[in-house]
């Protein structure tokens, strides 16, 4: 994913700890497609979480949090 595109996605999100974590996980993996696959959901569902329209299940959130905690080169 192009850096500017990633920033645009990040800027359009509701600012909560969940959306920030998912945004950082997205930046870590580089695309919605890869993050959705990593979390085992559709890109559409991931988009709902990223935009703050729905909250992810706890297990998906914890997977994203773990990915972020491992750093940007996970």
N, C-alpha and C. Protein backbone atom coordinates (compact mmCIF):
# COMPACT_ATOMS: atom_id res chain seq x y z
N UNK A 1 0.85 -1.17 0.00
CA UNK A 1 0.00 0.00 0.00
C UNK A 1 0.89 1.23 0.00
N UNK A 2 0.54 2.17 -0.81
CA UNK A 2 1.27 3.42 -0.88
C UNK A 2 1.11 4.17 0.44
N UNK A 3 2.17 4.83 0.87
CA UNK A 3 2.18 5.51 2.17
C UNK A 3 1.04 6.52 2.27
N UNK A 4 0.82 7.36 1.24
CA UNK A 4 -0.25 8.36 1.28
C UNK A 4 -1.61 7.71 1.41
N UNK A 5 -1.82 6.60 0.73
CA UNK A 5 -3.09 5.89 0.82
C UNK A 5 -3.31 5.38 2.24
N UNK A 6 -2.27 4.87 2.86
CA UNK A 6 -2.36 4.38 4.24
C UNK A 6 -2.71 5.53 5.18
N UNK A 7 -2.10 6.69 4.96
CA UNK A 7 -2.39 7.84 5.80
C UNK A 7 -3.83 8.30 5.62
N UNK A 8 -4.34 8.27 4.39
CA UNK A 8 -5.73 8.67 4.14
C UNK A 8 -6.69 7.75 4.86
N UNK A 9 -6.43 6.45 4.84
CA UNK A 9 -7.28 5.49 5.55
C UNK A 9 -7.24 5.80 7.04
N UNK A 10 -6.04 6.01 7.56
CA UNK A 10 -5.86 6.28 8.98
C UNK A 10 -6.57 7.57 9.39
N UNK A 11 -6.50 8.61 8.53
CA UNK A 11 -7.10 9.90 8.85
C UNK A 11 -8.62 9.84 8.86
N UNK A 12 -9.23 8.91 8.11
CA UNK A 12 -10.68 8.85 8.02
C UNK A 12 -11.31 8.04 9.14
N UNK A 13 -10.53 7.47 10.01
CA UNK A 13 -11.05 6.61 11.06
C UNK A 13 -11.51 7.41 12.28
N UNK A 14 -12.48 6.87 13.01
CA UNK A 14 -12.85 7.39 14.31
C UNK A 14 -11.66 7.11 15.22
N UNK A 15 -11.31 8.07 16.06
CA UNK A 15 -10.12 7.93 16.89
C UNK A 15 -10.44 7.28 18.23
N UNK A 16 -10.23 5.96 18.30
CA UNK A 16 -10.37 5.22 19.55
C UNK A 16 -9.13 4.35 19.68
N UNK A 17 -8.94 3.76 20.83
CA UNK A 17 -7.79 2.87 21.00
C UNK A 17 -7.88 1.68 20.04
N UNK A 18 -9.09 1.25 19.75
CA UNK A 18 -9.27 0.12 18.84
C UNK A 18 -8.91 0.52 17.42
N UNK A 19 -9.43 1.65 16.94
CA UNK A 19 -9.13 2.05 15.56
C UNK A 19 -7.66 2.42 15.41
N UNK A 20 -7.06 3.00 16.45
CA UNK A 20 -5.62 3.31 16.38
C UNK A 20 -4.81 2.03 16.27
N UNK A 21 -5.16 1.03 17.07
CA UNK A 21 -4.46 -0.26 17.01
C UNK A 21 -4.62 -0.90 15.65
N UNK A 22 -5.84 -0.92 15.12
CA UNK A 22 -6.06 -1.50 13.80
C UNK A 22 -5.32 -0.72 12.72
N UNK A 23 -5.29 0.60 12.84
CA UNK A 23 -4.55 1.42 11.88
C UNK A 23 -3.06 1.12 11.91
N UNK A 24 -2.51 0.95 13.09
CA UNK A 24 -1.10 0.60 13.20
C UNK A 24 -0.83 -0.80 12.65
N UNK A 25 -1.75 -1.72 12.89
CA UNK A 25 -1.62 -3.07 12.33
C UNK A 25 -1.68 -3.02 10.81
N UNK A 26 -2.55 -2.18 10.28
CA UNK A 26 -2.64 -1.99 8.84
C UNK A 26 -1.33 -1.46 8.28
N UNK A 27 -0.76 -0.49 8.93
CA UNK A 27 0.53 0.05 8.48
C UNK A 27 1.62 -1.01 8.58
N UNK A 28 1.57 -1.84 9.59
CA UNK A 28 2.57 -2.90 9.76
C UNK A 28 2.52 -3.89 8.60
N UNK A 29 1.32 -4.33 8.22
CA UNK A 29 1.21 -5.33 7.15
C UNK A 29 1.12 -4.72 5.75
N UNK A 30 0.76 -3.44 5.67
CA UNK A 30 0.83 -2.75 4.39
C UNK A 30 -0.40 -2.75 3.51
N UNK A 31 -1.42 -3.54 3.83
CA UNK A 31 -2.63 -3.50 3.02
C UNK A 31 -3.82 -4.06 3.81
N UNK A 32 -4.99 -3.60 3.40
CA UNK A 32 -6.22 -4.14 4.02
C UNK A 32 -6.36 -5.62 3.73
N UNK A 33 -5.99 -6.00 2.52
CA UNK A 33 -6.09 -7.41 2.14
C UNK A 33 -5.27 -8.29 3.08
N UNK A 34 -4.04 -7.89 3.34
CA UNK A 34 -3.17 -8.70 4.20
C UNK A 34 -3.65 -8.70 5.65
N UNK A 35 -4.10 -7.54 6.15
CA UNK A 35 -4.58 -7.48 7.53
C UNK A 35 -5.87 -8.28 7.68
N UNK A 36 -6.77 -8.17 6.72
CA UNK A 36 -8.01 -8.95 6.79
C UNK A 36 -7.70 -10.45 6.81
N UNK A 37 -6.77 -10.88 5.97
CA UNK A 37 -6.38 -12.30 5.95
C UNK A 37 -5.77 -12.70 7.29
N UNK A 38 -4.91 -11.84 7.83
CA UNK A 38 -4.26 -12.12 9.12
C UNK A 38 -5.30 -12.28 10.24
N UNK A 39 -6.34 -11.43 10.19
CA UNK A 39 -7.37 -11.47 11.23
C UNK A 39 -8.49 -12.46 10.91
N UNK A 40 -8.49 -13.01 9.69
CA UNK A 40 -9.49 -14.01 9.31
C UNK A 40 -10.87 -13.43 9.05
N UNK A 41 -10.90 -12.22 8.47
CA UNK A 41 -12.18 -11.57 8.17
C UNK A 41 -12.15 -11.03 6.74
N UNK A 42 -13.31 -10.59 6.27
CA UNK A 42 -13.36 -9.97 4.95
C UNK A 42 -12.82 -8.54 5.04
N UNK A 43 -12.41 -8.01 3.89
CA UNK A 43 -11.95 -6.62 3.86
C UNK A 43 -13.10 -5.67 4.22
N UNK A 44 -14.31 -6.04 3.84
CA UNK A 44 -15.46 -5.21 4.18
C UNK A 44 -15.63 -5.11 5.70
N UNK A 45 -15.55 -6.24 6.38
CA UNK A 45 -15.69 -6.23 7.84
C UNK A 45 -14.55 -5.44 8.48
N UNK A 46 -13.33 -5.66 7.98
CA UNK A 46 -12.19 -4.91 8.49
C UNK A 46 -12.42 -3.41 8.32
N UNK A 47 -12.95 -3.01 7.18
CA UNK A 47 -13.25 -1.60 6.93
C UNK A 47 -14.21 -1.02 7.97
N UNK A 48 -15.20 -1.80 8.36
CA UNK A 48 -16.15 -1.36 9.38
C UNK A 48 -15.43 -1.12 10.71
N UNK A 49 -14.49 -1.99 11.02
CA UNK A 49 -13.72 -1.84 12.26
C UNK A 49 -12.80 -0.63 12.18
N UNK A 50 -12.11 -0.48 11.06
CA UNK A 50 -11.17 0.63 10.89
C UNK A 50 -11.87 1.98 10.96
N UNK A 51 -13.08 2.04 10.45
CA UNK A 51 -13.83 3.29 10.43
C UNK A 51 -14.60 3.53 11.73
N UNK A 52 -14.56 2.56 12.64
CA UNK A 52 -15.24 2.71 13.92
C UNK A 52 -16.73 2.47 13.86
N UNK A 53 -17.23 1.88 12.76
CA UNK A 53 -18.67 1.61 12.66
C UNK A 53 -19.06 0.37 13.45
N UNK A 54 -18.12 -0.53 13.67
CA UNK A 54 -18.33 -1.74 14.49
C UNK A 54 -17.05 -1.99 15.27
N UNK A 55 -17.18 -2.70 16.37
CA UNK A 55 -16.00 -3.10 17.13
C UNK A 55 -15.67 -4.54 16.79
N UNK A 56 -14.38 -4.83 16.66
CA UNK A 56 -14.00 -6.21 16.37
C UNK A 56 -14.21 -7.09 17.61
N UNK A 57 -14.34 -8.39 17.39
CA UNK A 57 -14.38 -9.30 18.54
C UNK A 57 -13.05 -9.20 19.29
N UNK A 58 -13.08 -9.52 20.54
CA UNK A 58 -11.89 -9.40 21.38
C UNK A 58 -10.70 -10.16 20.81
N UNK A 59 -10.91 -11.37 20.30
CA UNK A 59 -9.78 -12.15 19.79
C UNK A 59 -9.13 -11.48 18.58
N UNK A 60 -9.90 -10.86 17.71
CA UNK A 60 -9.34 -10.17 16.55
C UNK A 60 -8.57 -8.93 17.01
N UNK A 61 -9.13 -8.20 17.96
CA UNK A 61 -8.44 -7.03 18.49
C UNK A 61 -7.12 -7.42 19.13
N UNK A 62 -7.12 -8.49 19.90
CA UNK A 62 -5.89 -8.93 20.56
C UNK A 62 -4.83 -9.38 19.56
N UNK A 63 -5.25 -10.01 18.46
CA UNK A 63 -4.29 -10.38 17.39
C UNK A 63 -3.66 -9.14 16.78
N UNK A 64 -4.49 -8.11 16.53
CA UNK A 64 -3.97 -6.85 15.98
C UNK A 64 -3.04 -6.18 16.98
N UNK A 65 -3.40 -6.19 18.24
CA UNK A 65 -2.57 -5.60 19.28
C UNK A 65 -1.22 -6.32 19.38
N UNK A 66 -1.25 -7.63 19.30
CA UNK A 66 -0.01 -8.41 19.34
C UNK A 66 0.87 -8.08 18.15
N UNK A 67 0.28 -7.94 16.99
CA UNK A 67 1.03 -7.58 15.79
C UNK A 67 1.71 -6.23 15.96
N UNK A 68 1.00 -5.25 16.47
CA UNK A 68 1.55 -3.92 16.71
C UNK A 68 2.67 -3.98 17.74
N UNK A 69 2.47 -4.76 18.79
CA UNK A 69 3.47 -4.86 19.86
C UNK A 69 4.77 -5.47 19.35
N UNK A 70 4.69 -6.32 18.33
CA UNK A 70 5.92 -6.93 17.79
C UNK A 70 6.72 -5.96 16.94
N UNK A 71 6.14 -4.83 16.59
CA UNK A 71 6.89 -3.80 15.88
C UNK A 71 6.56 -3.74 14.41
N UNK A 72 7.12 -2.71 13.74
CA UNK A 72 6.76 -2.43 12.36
C UNK A 72 7.30 -3.42 11.34
N UNK A 73 8.16 -4.32 11.75
CA UNK A 73 8.76 -5.25 10.78
C UNK A 73 8.31 -6.68 11.03
N UNK A 74 7.14 -6.82 11.66
CA UNK A 74 6.60 -8.15 11.98
C UNK A 74 6.27 -8.91 10.73
